[in-house]
Amino acid sequence: MKGTGVIIMISINAANLIFNMVNIIILFVFFRLFLFKPVNNILEKRKRLIEDSLQDADDKKAEAYQLKAGYEAELKQAGDQAGSIIKEARERAEVEYNRILQEARQESAKVMEEANRMIEFERKKSIENAQAEVAGIAMLAAAKVIGKNVDDSTNRQFLDDFLKEVGAAK
């Protein structure tokens, strides 16, 4: 037996074709009204929500950058203020140091001046004591030479005269 072939024949029925096309159009209109439109609306809402979220994120980001710049400016200003406060404190400390040093120098000069006055006073006192002793010795020697002892007022008179002559000789 030789191969039997099956032949299928497709017949196109015009009424069937029109009926199927009308069904497809009705199905398309139905899907368009009840499926595509709500899905498109949902997609559009979702798209707007995403765009709003992105815009809000951009706004927040810009605001964050502005805050950051503000904080950095405040930080720099605080650093500058700290530097100026430190500089001012150093200047005041230097002024105070110089004032204390000047006071110490003045006090030292006063102490030296007072010490010099005391030394001069003691020197004059020592010279006067030495002159009185020398005069006393000279009076004793003169009394021995003269051989007589004169009274105290005469001794005083001789002593004053002697001191005047010694002072004038200087």
C-alpha atoms as a PDB file:
ATOM      1  CA  MET A   1       0.000   0.000   0.000  1.00  0.00           C
ATOM      2  CA  LYS A   2       1.250   3.154  -0.905  1.00  0.00           C
ATOM      3  CA  GLY A   3       1.047   6.120   1.420  1.00  0.00           C
ATOM      4  CA  THR A   4      -2.368   7.430   2.001  1.00  0.00           C
ATOM      5  CA  GLY A   5      -2.476  11.082   2.317  1.00  0.00           C
ATOM      6  CA  VAL A   6      -4.986  12.956   4.260  1.00  0.00           C
ATOM      7  CA  ILE A   7      -6.155  16.037   2.724  1.00  0.00           C
ATOM      8  CA  ILE A   8      -7.732  18.527   4.930  1.00  0.00           C
ATOM      9  CA  MET A   9      -9.675  21.108   3.457  1.00  0.00           C
ATOM     10  CA  ILE A  10     -10.374  24.328   5.184  1.00  0.00           C
ATOM     11  CA  SER A  11     -13.523  25.918   4.276  1.00  0.00           C
ATOM     12  CA  ILE A  12     -14.109  29.519   5.056  1.00  0.00           C
ATOM     13  CA  ASN A  13     -17.593  30.401   5.879  1.00  0.00           C
ATOM     14  CA  ALA A  14     -18.347  34.097   5.458  1.00  0.00           C
ATOM     15  CA  ALA A  15     -20.957  34.173   8.195  1.00  0.00           C
ATOM     16  CA  ASN A  16     -18.564  32.560  10.596  1.00  0.00           C
ATOM     17  CA  LEU A  17     -15.880  35.076   9.710  1.00  0.00           C
ATOM     18  CA  ILE A  18     -18.153  38.048  10.279  1.00  0.00           C
ATOM     19  CA  PHE A  19     -19.394  36.581  13.563  1.00  0.00           C
ATOM     20  CA  ASN A  20     -15.804  36.092  14.820  1.00  0.00           C
ATOM     21  CA  MET A  21     -14.830  39.598  13.772  1.00  0.00           C
ATOM     22  CA  VAL A  22     -17.817  41.104  15.597  1.00  0.00           C
ATOM     23  CA  ASN A  23     -16.880  39.085  18.710  1.00  0.00           C
ATOM     24  CA  ILE A  24     -13.293  40.308  18.512  1.00  0.00           C
ATOM     25  CA  ILE A  25     -14.431  43.942  18.183  1.00  0.00           C
ATOM     26  CA  ILE A  26     -16.860  43.563  21.121  1.00  0.00           C
ATOM     27  CA  LEU A  27     -14.114  41.883  23.164  1.00  0.00           C
ATOM     28  CA  PHE A  28     -11.693  44.684  22.237  1.00  0.00           C
ATOM     29  CA  VAL A  29     -14.213  47.410  23.286  1.00  0.00           C
ATOM     30  CA  PHE A  30     -14.988  45.490  26.493  1.00  0.00           C
ATOM     31  CA  PHE A  31     -11.257  45.110  27.350  1.00  0.00           C
ATOM     32  CA  ARG A  32     -10.645  48.716  26.444  1.00  0.00           C
ATOM     33  CA  LEU A  33     -13.424  49.989  28.736  1.00  0.00           C
ATOM     34  CA  PHE A  34     -13.051  47.625  31.650  1.00  0.00           C
ATOM     35  CA  LEU A  35      -9.421  46.483  31.548  1.00  0.00           C
ATOM     36  CA  PHE A  36      -7.083  48.834  29.635  1.00  0.00           C
ATOM     37  CA  LYS A  37      -8.523  52.085  30.995  1.00  0.00           C
ATOM     38  CA  PRO A  38      -8.335  51.104  34.712  1.00  0.00           C
ATOM     39  CA  VAL A  39      -4.897  49.538  34.225  1.00  0.00           C
ATOM     40  CA  ASN A  40      -3.725  52.689  32.397  1.00  0.00           C
ATOM     41  CA  ASN A  41      -5.184  54.814  35.201  1.00  0.00           C
ATOM     42  CA  ILE A  42      -3.377  52.702  37.816  1.00  0.00           C
ATOM     43  CA  LEU A  43      -0.134  52.929  35.831  1.00  0.00           C
ATOM     44  CA  GLU A  44      -0.558  56.703  35.438  1.00  0.00           C
ATOM     45  CA  LYS A  45      -1.161  57.108  39.192  1.00  0.00           C
ATOM     46  CA  ARG A  46       1.853  54.956  39.935  1.00  0.00           C
ATOM     47  CA  LYS A  47       3.960  57.001  37.513  1.00  0.00           C
ATOM     48  CA  ARG A  48       2.843  60.273  39.175  1.00  0.00           C
ATOM     49  CA  LEU A  49       3.561  58.814  42.636  1.00  0.00           C
ATOM     50  CA  ILE A  50       7.066  57.799  41.562  1.00  0.00           C
ATOM     51  CA  GLU A  51       7.700  61.193  39.948  1.00  0.00           C
ATOM     52  CA  ASP A  52       6.439  62.978  43.082  1.00  0.00           C
ATOM     53  CA  SER A  53       8.652  60.773  45.252  1.00  0.00           C
ATOM     54  CA  LEU A  54      11.679  61.519  43.059  1.00  0.00           C
ATOM     55  CA  GLN A  55      10.912  65.237  43.115  1.00  0.00           C
ATOM     56  CA  ASP A  56      10.494  65.121  46.895  1.00  0.00           C
ATOM     57  CA  ALA A  57      13.797  63.260  47.200  1.00  0.00           C
ATOM     58  CA  ASP A  58      15.512  65.888  45.019  1.00  0.00           C
ATOM     59  CA  ASP A  59      14.006  68.656  47.155  1.00  0.00           C
ATOM     60  CA  LYS A  60      15.159  66.936  50.355  1.00  0.00           C
ATOM     61  CA  LYS A  61      18.604  66.432  48.860  1.00  0.00           C
ATOM     62  CA  ALA A  62      18.852  70.119  47.902  1.00  0.00           C
ATOM     63  CA  GLU A  63      17.663  71.109  51.383  1.00  0.00           C
ATOM     64  CA  ALA A  64      20.248  68.785  52.941  1.00  0.00           C
ATOM     65  CA  TYR A  65      22.999  70.381  50.840  1.00  0.00           C
ATOM     66  CA  GLN A  66      21.840  73.830  51.941  1.00  0.00           C
ATOM     67  CA  LEU A  67      21.848  72.752  55.595  1.00  0.00           C
ATOM     68  CA  LYS A  68      25.285  71.224  55.145  1.00  0.00           C
ATOM     69  CA  ALA A  69      26.593  74.439  53.595  1.00  0.00           C
ATOM     70  CA  GLY A  70      25.028  76.434  56.442  1.00  0.00           C
ATOM     71  CA  TYR A  71      26.594  74.180  59.062  1.00  0.00           C
ATOM     72  CA  GLU A  72      29.967  74.356  57.349  1.00  0.00           C
ATOM     73  CA  ALA A  73      29.731  78.157  57.271  1.00  0.00           C
ATOM     74  CA  GLU A  74      28.791  78.227  60.960  1.00  0.00           C
ATOM     75  CA  LEU A  75      31.640  75.848  61.760  1.00  0.00           C
ATOM     76  CA  LYS A  76      34.086  78.042  59.857  1.00  0.00           C
ATOM     77  CA  GLN A  77      32.735  81.125  61.623  1.00  0.00           C
ATOM     78  CA  ALA A  78      33.092  79.366  64.989  1.00  0.00           C
ATOM     79  CA  GLY A  79      36.675  78.446  64.090  1.00  0.00           C
ATOM     80  CA  ASP A  80      37.394  82.044  63.118  1.00  0.00           C
ATOM     81  CA  GLN A  81      35.826  83.264  66.357  1.00  0.00           C
ATOM     82  CA  ALA A  82      37.884  80.785  68.351  1.00  0.00           C
ATOM     83  CA  GLY A  83      41.020  82.002  66.583  1.00  0.00           C
ATOM     84  CA  SER A  84      40.196  85.636  67.300  1.00  0.00           C
ATOM     85  CA  ILE A  85      39.379  84.828  70.945  1.00  0.00           C
ATOM     86  CA  ILE A  86      42.707  83.031  71.318  1.00  0.00           C
ATOM     87  CA  LYS A  87      44.528  85.919  69.646  1.00  0.00           C
ATOM     88  CA  GLU A  88      42.772  88.433  71.892  1.00  0.00           C
ATOM     89  CA  ALA A  89      43.590  86.344  74.982  1.00  0.00           C
ATOM     90  CA  ARG A  90      47.254  86.202  73.962  1.00  0.00           C
ATOM     91  CA  GLU A  91      47.335  89.953  73.431  1.00  0.00           C
ATOM     92  CA  ARG A  92      45.723  90.566  76.839  1.00  0.00           C
ATOM     93  CA  ALA A  93      48.165  88.119  78.451  1.00  0.00           C
ATOM     94  CA  GLU A  94      51.085  89.935  76.826  1.00  0.00           C
ATOM     95  CA  VAL A  95      49.765  93.308  78.006  1.00  0.00           C
ATOM     96  CA  GLU A  96      49.302  91.901  81.511  1.00  0.00           C
ATOM     97  CA  TYR A  97      52.791  90.358  81.405  1.00  0.00           C
ATOM     98  CA  ASN A  98      54.298  93.699  80.361  1.00  0.00           C
ATOM     99  CA  ARG A  99      52.327  95.535  83.057  1.00  0.00           C
ATOM    100  CA  ILE A 100      53.476  93.111  85.758  1.00  0.00           C
ATOM    101  CA  LEU A 101      57.044  93.302  84.474  1.00  0.00           C
ATOM    102  CA  GLN A 102      56.919  97.127  84.524  1.00  0.00           C
ATOM    103  CA  GLU A 103      55.514  97.095  88.066  1.00  0.00           C
ATOM    104  CA  ALA A 104      58.271  94.710  89.140  1.00  0.00           C
ATOM    105  CA  ARG A 105      60.906  96.991  87.589  1.00  0.00           C
ATOM    106  CA  GLN A 106      59.408 100.031  89.310  1.00  0.00           C
ATOM    107  CA  GLU A 107      59.253  98.191  92.627  1.00  0.00           C
ATOM    108  CA  SER A 108      62.841  97.036  92.151  1.00  0.00           C
ATOM    109  CA  ALA A 109      63.918 100.609  91.391  1.00  0.00           C
ATOM    110  CA  LYS A 110      62.136 101.842  94.541  1.00  0.00           C
ATOM    111  CA  VAL A 111      63.812  99.140  96.640  1.00  0.00           C
ATOM    112  CA  MET A 112      67.204 100.008  95.132  1.00  0.00           C
ATOM    113  CA  GLU A 113      66.613 103.712  95.722  1.00  0.00           C
ATOM    114  CA  GLU A 114      65.581 103.056  99.328  1.00  0.00           C
ATOM    115  CA  ALA A 115      68.614 100.807  99.809  1.00  0.00           C
ATOM    116  CA  ASN A 116      70.887 103.512  98.362  1.00  0.00           C
ATOM    117  CA  ARG A 117      69.339 106.099 100.713  1.00  0.00           C
ATOM    118  CA  MET A 118      69.838 103.779 103.664  1.00  0.00           C
ATOM    119  CA  ILE A 119      73.432 103.123 102.610  1.00  0.00           C
ATOM    120  CA  GLU A 120      74.053 106.873 102.238  1.00  0.00           C
ATOM    121  CA  PHE A 121      72.406 107.522 105.619  1.00  0.00           C
ATOM    122  CA  GLU A 122      74.510 104.799 107.281  1.00  0.00           C
ATOM    123  CA  ARG A 123      77.633 106.118 105.559  1.00  0.00           C
ATOM    124  CA  LYS A 124      76.989 109.662 106.813  1.00  0.00           C
ATOM    125  CA  LYS A 125      76.208 108.307 110.264  1.00  0.00           C
ATOM    126  CA  SER A 126      79.412 106.245 110.231  1.00  0.00           C
ATOM    127  CA  ILE A 127      81.402 109.297 109.096  1.00  0.00           C
ATOM    128  CA  GLU A 128      79.837 111.405 111.864  1.00  0.00           C
ATOM    129  CA  ASN A 129      80.584 108.680 114.435  1.00  0.00           C
ATOM    130  CA  ALA A 130      84.130 108.372 113.144  1.00  0.00           C
ATOM    131  CA  GLN A 131      84.548 112.165 113.271  1.00  0.00           C
ATOM    132  CA  ALA A 132      83.177 112.224 116.827  1.00  0.00           C
ATOM    133  CA  GLU A 133      85.571 109.462 117.888  1.00  0.00           C
ATOM    134  CA  VAL A 134      88.508 111.170 116.180  1.00  0.00           C
ATOM    135  CA  ALA A 135      87.492 114.438 117.836  1.00  0.00           C
ATOM    136  CA  GLY A 136      87.206 112.729 121.203  1.00  0.00           C
ATOM    137  CA  ILE A 137      90.659 111.203 120.775  1.00  0.00           C
ATOM    138  CA  ALA A 138      92.000 114.528 119.577  1.00  0.00           C
ATOM    139  CA  MET A 139      90.476 116.252 122.634  1.00  0.00           C
ATOM    140  CA  LEU A 140      92.046 113.709 124.951  1.00  0.00           C
ATOM    141  CA  ALA A 141      95.352 114.152 123.199  1.00  0.00           C
ATOM    142  CA  ALA A 142      95.027 117.943 123.354  1.00  0.00           C
ATOM    143  CA  ALA A 143      94.089 117.800 127.037  1.00  0.00           C
ATOM    144  CA  LYS A 144      97.159 115.687 127.735  1.00  0.00           C
ATOM    145  CA  VAL A 145      99.331 118.100 125.755  1.00  0.00           C
ATOM    146  CA  ILE A 146      97.885 121.144 127.461  1.00  0.00           C
ATOM    147  CA  GLY A 147      97.933 119.331 130.703  1.00  0.00           C
ATOM    148  CA  LYS A 148      94.631 120.406 131.918  1.00  0.00           C
ATOM    149  CA  ASN A 149      91.128 119.169 131.558  1.00  0.00           C
ATOM    150  CA  VAL A 150      88.683 121.794 130.629  1.00  0.00           C
ATOM    151  CA  ASP A 151      85.001 121.559 131.359  1.00  0.00           C
ATOM    152  CA  ASP A 152      82.491 119.786 129.171  1.00  0.00           C
ATOM    153  CA  SER A 153      81.129 122.905 127.446  1.00  0.00           C
ATOM    154  CA  THR A 154      84.663 124.015 126.520  1.00  0.00           C
ATOM    155  CA  ASN A 155      85.366 120.523 125.176  1.00  0.00           C
ATOM    156  CA  ARG A 156      82.193 120.780 123.136  1.00  0.00           C
ATOM    157  CA  GLN A 157      83.234 124.163 121.772  1.00  0.00           C
ATOM    158  CA  PHE A 158      86.684 122.863 120.798  1.00  0.00           C
ATOM    159  CA  LEU A 159      85.050 119.801 119.183  1.00  0.00           C
ATOM    160  CA  ASP A 160      82.626 121.856 117.118  1.00  0.00           C
ATOM    161  CA  ASP A 161      85.406 124.159 115.969  1.00  0.00           C
ATOM    162  CA  PHE A 162      87.568 121.166 115.062  1.00  0.00           C
ATOM    163  CA  LEU A 163      84.751 119.499 113.121  1.00  0.00           C
ATOM    164  CA  LYS A 164      84.070 122.714 111.233  1.00  0.00           C
ATOM    165  CA  GLU A 165      87.737 122.961 110.257  1.00  0.00           C
ATOM    166  CA  VAL A 166      87.859 119.303 109.186  1.00  0.00           C
ATOM    167  CA  GLY A 167      84.589 119.703 107.243  1.00  0.00           C
ATOM    168  CA  ALA A 168      85.909 122.865 105.558  1.00  0.00           C
ATOM    169  CA  ALA A 169      89.155 121.068 104.658  1.00  0.00           C
ATOM    170  CA  LYS A 170      87.251 118.446 102.708  1.00  0.00           C
END
